[in-house]
């Protein structure tokens, strides 16, 4: 059974930064790809960034150059450093993982609000 626990969300002003963390537990075979999705009010859930245990990454176009995903394989952790945040980044951010690039397991989500 895979469990994911996110932390690090909150309220930040436009132009600010936040760092999300996600702790995963479960079989290593289930944690090959880890990452983040988000869902804003009235919008569909969308990919933010994903990272393979070997280091390959995939980013949604609107966050390229502003967000950086990283992971600590030894600790089963994944991080999302978010810089230059804008109100359009406001959403619930979900930690995800799975054996392939298609998410299988989801965390409960953490709220990120960008507002002055």
N, C-alpha and C. Protein backbone atom coordinates (compact mmCIF):
# COMPACT_ATOMS: atom_id res chain seq x y z
N UNK A 1 0.84 -1.18 0.00
CA UNK A 1 0.00 0.00 0.00
C UNK A 1 0.89 1.24 0.00
N UNK A 2 0.64 2.14 -0.94
CA UNK A 2 1.40 3.37 -1.04
C UNK A 2 0.66 4.47 -0.31
N UNK A 3 1.40 5.22 0.47
CA UNK A 3 0.84 6.40 1.13
C UNK A 3 1.69 7.60 0.80
N UNK A 4 1.02 8.73 0.60
CA UNK A 4 1.67 9.98 0.25
C UNK A 4 1.20 11.07 1.20
N UNK A 5 2.14 11.84 1.71
CA UNK A 5 1.79 12.93 2.62
C UNK A 5 2.48 14.20 2.17
N UNK A 6 1.65 15.18 1.76
CA UNK A 6 2.19 16.46 1.30
C UNK A 6 2.32 17.45 2.45
N UNK A 7 3.22 18.39 2.27
CA UNK A 7 3.37 19.50 3.21
C UNK A 7 3.96 20.69 2.47
N UNK A 8 3.81 21.88 3.07
CA UNK A 8 4.46 23.06 2.52
C UNK A 8 3.55 24.04 1.81
N UNK A 9 2.27 23.74 1.68
CA UNK A 9 1.37 24.69 1.06
C UNK A 9 1.12 25.88 1.96
N UNK A 10 0.40 26.87 1.41
CA UNK A 10 0.07 28.04 2.21
C UNK A 10 -0.26 29.23 1.34
N UNK A 11 -0.26 30.39 1.98
CA UNK A 11 -0.56 31.65 1.32
C UNK A 11 0.73 32.40 1.03
N UNK A 12 0.87 32.89 -0.18
CA UNK A 12 2.07 33.62 -0.57
C UNK A 12 1.67 34.76 -1.50
N UNK A 13 2.41 35.83 -1.45
CA UNK A 13 2.14 36.98 -2.32
C UNK A 13 2.65 36.71 -3.74
N UNK A 14 2.05 37.36 -4.73
CA UNK A 14 2.57 37.23 -6.10
C UNK A 14 4.05 37.56 -6.16
N UNK A 15 4.77 36.75 -6.91
CA UNK A 15 6.21 36.91 -7.00
C UNK A 15 6.99 36.14 -5.95
N UNK A 16 6.29 35.57 -4.99
CA UNK A 16 6.93 34.85 -3.91
C UNK A 16 7.24 33.41 -4.26
N UNK A 17 7.73 32.67 -3.26
CA UNK A 17 8.15 31.29 -3.45
C UNK A 17 7.57 30.40 -2.36
N UNK A 18 7.40 29.15 -2.72
CA UNK A 18 7.01 28.11 -1.77
C UNK A 18 7.71 26.83 -2.17
N UNK A 19 7.92 25.96 -1.19
CA UNK A 19 8.48 24.64 -1.46
C UNK A 19 7.54 23.58 -0.91
N UNK A 20 7.06 22.73 -1.80
CA UNK A 20 6.22 21.62 -1.40
C UNK A 20 7.08 20.37 -1.20
N UNK A 21 6.69 19.57 -0.22
CA UNK A 21 7.36 18.30 0.03
C UNK A 21 6.33 17.19 0.07
N UNK A 22 6.76 16.00 -0.30
CA UNK A 22 5.88 14.85 -0.24
C UNK A 22 6.69 13.64 0.21
N UNK A 23 6.20 13.02 1.28
CA UNK A 23 6.83 11.80 1.79
C UNK A 23 6.02 10.60 1.34
N UNK A 24 6.70 9.64 0.75
CA UNK A 24 6.02 8.45 0.24
C UNK A 24 6.47 7.21 1.00
N UNK A 25 5.54 6.31 1.15
CA UNK A 25 5.87 5.01 1.72
C UNK A 25 5.23 3.93 0.85
N UNK A 26 5.94 2.81 0.72
CA UNK A 26 5.42 1.73 -0.11
C UNK A 26 6.53 1.03 -0.85
N UNK A 27 6.12 0.13 -1.72
CA UNK A 27 7.09 -0.65 -2.49
C UNK A 27 7.86 0.27 -3.44
N UNK A 28 9.18 0.10 -3.50
CA UNK A 28 9.97 0.93 -4.43
C UNK A 28 9.50 0.81 -5.87
N UNK A 29 8.95 -0.33 -6.24
CA UNK A 29 8.47 -0.50 -7.61
C UNK A 29 7.27 0.40 -7.91
N UNK A 30 6.61 0.85 -6.87
CA UNK A 30 5.45 1.74 -7.04
C UNK A 30 5.83 3.20 -7.02
N UNK A 31 7.09 3.48 -6.76
CA UNK A 31 7.54 4.87 -6.60
C UNK A 31 8.52 5.28 -7.69
N UNK A 32 8.45 4.63 -8.85
CA UNK A 32 9.39 4.92 -9.92
C UNK A 32 9.27 6.36 -10.40
N UNK A 33 8.06 6.80 -10.64
CA UNK A 33 7.81 8.18 -11.06
C UNK A 33 7.03 8.87 -9.95
N UNK A 34 7.50 10.03 -9.55
CA UNK A 34 6.82 10.84 -8.54
C UNK A 34 6.62 12.23 -9.09
N UNK A 35 5.66 12.94 -8.53
CA UNK A 35 5.45 14.28 -9.05
C UNK A 35 4.27 14.99 -8.44
N UNK A 36 3.81 15.98 -9.17
CA UNK A 36 2.76 16.87 -8.67
C UNK A 36 1.75 17.19 -9.77
N UNK A 37 0.49 17.14 -9.40
CA UNK A 37 -0.61 17.64 -10.19
C UNK A 37 -1.26 18.77 -9.39
N UNK A 38 -2.09 19.54 -10.05
CA UNK A 38 -2.83 20.58 -9.34
C UNK A 38 -4.22 20.72 -9.93
N UNK A 39 -5.12 21.24 -9.11
CA UNK A 39 -6.48 21.52 -9.56
C UNK A 39 -6.93 22.85 -9.00
N UNK A 40 -7.19 23.77 -9.91
CA UNK A 40 -7.71 25.08 -9.53
C UNK A 40 -9.24 25.03 -9.54
N UNK A 41 -9.87 25.95 -8.82
CA UNK A 41 -11.35 25.97 -8.79
C UNK A 41 -11.93 26.07 -10.20
N UNK A 42 -12.87 25.19 -10.52
CA UNK A 42 -13.53 25.23 -11.81
C UNK A 42 -12.72 24.70 -12.97
N UNK A 43 -11.57 24.11 -12.67
CA UNK A 43 -10.71 23.61 -13.74
C UNK A 43 -10.39 22.14 -13.51
N UNK A 44 -9.97 21.48 -14.57
CA UNK A 44 -9.59 20.08 -14.47
C UNK A 44 -8.22 19.96 -13.81
N UNK A 45 -8.01 18.80 -13.22
CA UNK A 45 -6.72 18.52 -12.63
C UNK A 45 -5.68 18.45 -13.75
N UNK A 46 -4.49 19.03 -13.52
CA UNK A 46 -3.48 19.07 -14.56
C UNK A 46 -2.10 18.74 -13.99
N UNK A 47 -1.26 18.22 -14.87
CA UNK A 47 0.12 17.94 -14.53
C UNK A 47 0.86 19.23 -14.22
N UNK A 48 1.70 19.19 -13.18
CA UNK A 48 2.62 20.28 -12.92
C UNK A 48 4.03 19.84 -13.28
N UNK A 49 4.49 18.78 -12.64
CA UNK A 49 5.83 18.28 -12.91
C UNK A 49 5.95 16.85 -12.40
N UNK A 50 6.77 16.07 -13.10
CA UNK A 50 7.02 14.69 -12.69
C UNK A 50 8.50 14.40 -12.83
N UNK A 51 8.99 13.44 -12.05
CA UNK A 51 10.39 13.07 -12.09
C UNK A 51 10.52 11.55 -11.93
N UNK A 52 11.34 10.97 -12.79
CA UNK A 52 11.62 9.54 -12.74
C UNK A 52 12.75 9.29 -11.73
N UNK A 53 12.79 8.09 -11.18
CA UNK A 53 13.84 7.77 -10.22
C UNK A 53 15.22 7.90 -10.84
N UNK A 54 15.30 7.81 -12.16
CA UNK A 54 16.58 7.97 -12.84
C UNK A 54 16.94 9.41 -13.14
N UNK A 55 15.99 10.33 -12.87
CA UNK A 55 16.28 11.75 -13.01
C UNK A 55 15.55 12.48 -14.12
N UNK A 56 14.97 11.77 -15.06
CA UNK A 56 14.24 12.45 -16.13
C UNK A 56 13.04 13.20 -15.56
N UNK A 57 12.76 14.35 -16.16
CA UNK A 57 11.68 15.19 -15.67
C UNK A 57 10.73 15.58 -16.80
N UNK A 58 9.55 16.01 -16.39
CA UNK A 58 8.55 16.51 -17.32
C UNK A 58 7.80 17.64 -16.63
N UNK A 59 7.70 18.79 -17.29
CA UNK A 59 7.05 19.96 -16.72
C UNK A 59 5.92 20.44 -17.62
N UNK A 60 4.89 20.96 -16.98
CA UNK A 60 3.84 21.66 -17.71
C UNK A 60 4.43 22.98 -18.20
N UNK A 61 4.04 23.40 -19.40
CA UNK A 61 4.70 24.54 -20.04
C UNK A 61 4.67 25.81 -19.18
N UNK A 62 3.56 26.07 -18.51
CA UNK A 62 3.43 27.35 -17.81
C UNK A 62 4.33 27.46 -16.57
N UNK A 63 4.90 26.34 -16.12
CA UNK A 63 5.74 26.39 -14.92
C UNK A 63 7.22 26.25 -15.25
N UNK A 64 7.53 25.97 -16.52
CA UNK A 64 8.94 25.82 -16.90
C UNK A 64 9.70 27.11 -16.61
N UNK A 65 10.86 26.96 -16.00
CA UNK A 65 11.67 28.11 -15.64
C UNK A 65 11.31 28.74 -14.31
N UNK A 66 10.16 28.36 -13.75
CA UNK A 66 9.75 28.90 -12.44
C UNK A 66 9.73 27.82 -11.36
N UNK A 67 9.34 26.62 -11.73
CA UNK A 67 9.24 25.52 -10.78
C UNK A 67 10.36 24.52 -11.04
N UNK A 68 10.85 23.90 -9.96
CA UNK A 68 11.85 22.86 -10.08
C UNK A 68 11.45 21.66 -9.24
N UNK A 69 11.41 20.50 -9.86
CA UNK A 69 11.09 19.28 -9.14
C UNK A 69 12.37 18.53 -8.84
N UNK A 70 12.41 17.91 -7.67
CA UNK A 70 13.56 17.11 -7.30
C UNK A 70 13.08 15.97 -6.40
N UNK A 71 13.94 15.00 -6.19
CA UNK A 71 13.56 13.89 -5.33
C UNK A 71 14.78 13.33 -4.61
N UNK A 72 14.50 12.70 -3.50
CA UNK A 72 15.52 12.00 -2.72
C UNK A 72 15.10 10.55 -2.70
N UNK A 73 15.73 9.75 -3.54
CA UNK A 73 15.31 8.35 -3.66
C UNK A 73 15.52 7.56 -2.36
N UNK A 74 16.57 7.90 -1.65
CA UNK A 74 16.84 7.18 -0.41
C UNK A 74 15.80 7.42 0.67
N UNK A 75 15.17 8.58 0.62
CA UNK A 75 14.17 8.92 1.63
C UNK A 75 12.75 8.86 1.08
N UNK A 76 12.61 8.49 -0.19
CA UNK A 76 11.28 8.44 -0.83
C UNK A 76 10.57 9.79 -0.70
N UNK A 77 11.29 10.85 -1.00
CA UNK A 77 10.73 12.19 -0.93
C UNK A 77 10.76 12.83 -2.32
N UNK A 78 9.76 13.66 -2.58
CA UNK A 78 9.76 14.48 -3.79
C UNK A 78 9.44 15.91 -3.37
N UNK A 79 10.07 16.86 -4.05
CA UNK A 79 9.94 18.27 -3.70
C UNK A 79 9.54 19.07 -4.94
N UNK A 80 8.88 20.18 -4.68
CA UNK A 80 8.56 21.11 -5.76
C UNK A 80 8.90 22.51 -5.27
N UNK A 81 9.97 23.06 -5.80
CA UNK A 81 10.33 24.44 -5.51
C UNK A 81 9.61 25.34 -6.50
N UNK A 82 8.78 26.23 -5.98
CA UNK A 82 7.97 27.10 -6.82
C UNK A 82 8.40 28.55 -6.61
N UNK A 83 8.89 29.16 -7.66
CA UNK A 83 9.34 30.55 -7.62
C UNK A 83 8.48 31.41 -8.54
N UNK A 84 8.56 32.70 -8.31
CA UNK A 84 7.81 33.66 -9.13
C UNK A 84 6.35 33.24 -9.27
N UNK A 85 5.73 32.95 -8.16
CA UNK A 85 4.35 32.50 -8.17
C UNK A 85 3.41 33.62 -8.59
N UNK A 86 2.36 33.26 -9.28
CA UNK A 86 1.34 34.23 -9.68
C UNK A 86 -0.04 33.67 -9.32
N UNK A 87 -1.06 34.51 -9.33
CA UNK A 87 -2.39 34.05 -8.89
C UNK A 87 -2.91 32.84 -9.67
N UNK A 88 -2.46 32.68 -10.91
CA UNK A 88 -2.91 31.53 -11.71
C UNK A 88 -2.35 30.21 -11.19
N UNK A 89 -1.39 30.28 -10.29
CA UNK A 89 -0.84 29.07 -9.67
C UNK A 89 -1.66 28.61 -8.47
N UNK A 90 -2.64 29.40 -8.09
CA UNK A 90 -3.50 29.03 -6.97
C UNK A 90 -4.26 27.75 -7.30
N UNK A 91 -4.11 26.76 -6.42
CA UNK A 91 -4.73 25.46 -6.66
C UNK A 91 -4.46 24.54 -5.48
N UNK A 92 -5.14 23.41 -5.49
CA UNK A 92 -4.75 22.33 -4.60
C UNK A 92 -3.71 21.50 -5.33
N UNK A 93 -2.57 21.28 -4.69
CA UNK A 93 -1.47 20.54 -5.30
C UNK A 93 -1.44 19.12 -4.71
N UNK A 94 -1.43 18.15 -5.62
CA UNK A 94 -1.46 16.74 -5.22
C UNK A 94 -0.14 16.07 -5.55
N UNK A 95 0.38 15.36 -4.59
CA UNK A 95 1.53 14.50 -4.83
C UNK A 95 1.05 13.21 -5.48
N UNK A 96 1.80 12.74 -6.46
CA UNK A 96 1.43 11.51 -7.16
C UNK A 96 2.64 10.60 -7.31
N UNK A 97 2.37 9.33 -7.51
CA UNK A 97 3.43 8.39 -7.80
C UNK A 97 2.88 7.18 -8.52
N UNK A 98 3.78 6.40 -9.09
CA UNK A 98 3.38 5.20 -9.80
C UNK A 98 4.58 4.55 -10.46
N UNK A 99 4.37 3.35 -11.01
CA UNK A 99 5.48 2.65 -11.66
C UNK A 99 5.83 3.19 -13.05
N UNK A 100 4.94 3.99 -13.63
CA UNK A 100 5.19 4.58 -14.93
C UNK A 100 4.85 6.07 -14.86
N UNK A 101 4.86 6.72 -16.01
CA UNK A 101 4.55 8.15 -16.06
C UNK A 101 3.07 8.43 -15.85
N UNK A 102 2.23 7.41 -15.79
CA UNK A 102 0.82 7.60 -15.49
C UNK A 102 0.60 7.46 -13.99
N UNK A 103 0.10 8.50 -13.33
CA UNK A 103 -0.09 8.44 -11.88
C UNK A 103 -1.06 7.33 -11.47
N UNK A 104 -0.69 6.65 -10.39
CA UNK A 104 -1.55 5.62 -9.84
C UNK A 104 -2.02 5.98 -8.44
N UNK A 105 -1.12 6.53 -7.66
CA UNK A 105 -1.41 6.86 -6.26
C UNK A 105 -1.40 8.37 -6.09
N UNK A 106 -2.36 8.86 -5.26
CA UNK A 106 -2.54 10.29 -5.07
C UNK A 106 -2.55 10.61 -3.58
N UNK A 107 -1.94 11.76 -3.24
CA UNK A 107 -2.05 12.25 -1.89
C UNK A 107 -3.35 13.00 -1.68
N UNK A 108 -3.54 13.52 -0.49
CA UNK A 108 -4.76 14.24 -0.15
C UNK A 108 -4.78 15.66 -0.68
N UNK A 109 -3.63 16.20 -0.99
CA UNK A 109 -3.55 17.54 -1.53
C UNK A 109 -3.19 18.58 -0.49
N UNK A 110 -2.55 19.64 -0.96
CA UNK A 110 -2.21 20.78 -0.10
C UNK A 110 -2.54 22.05 -0.87
N UNK A 111 -3.16 22.99 -0.17
CA UNK A 111 -3.62 24.23 -0.82
C UNK A 111 -2.48 25.21 -0.98
N UNK A 112 -2.36 25.77 -2.17
CA UNK A 112 -1.44 26.87 -2.44
C UNK A 112 -2.29 28.04 -2.93
N UNK A 113 -2.17 29.16 -2.23
CA UNK A 113 -2.92 30.35 -2.59
C UNK A 113 -1.95 31.49 -2.83
N UNK A 114 -2.03 32.08 -4.01
CA UNK A 114 -1.17 33.21 -4.37
C UNK A 114 -2.05 34.45 -4.46
N UNK A 115 -1.88 35.33 -3.51
CA UNK A 115 -2.75 36.50 -3.43
C UNK A 115 -2.06 37.60 -2.63
N UNK A 116 -2.36 38.84 -3.01
CA UNK A 116 -1.85 39.98 -2.25
C UNK A 116 -2.85 40.41 -1.19
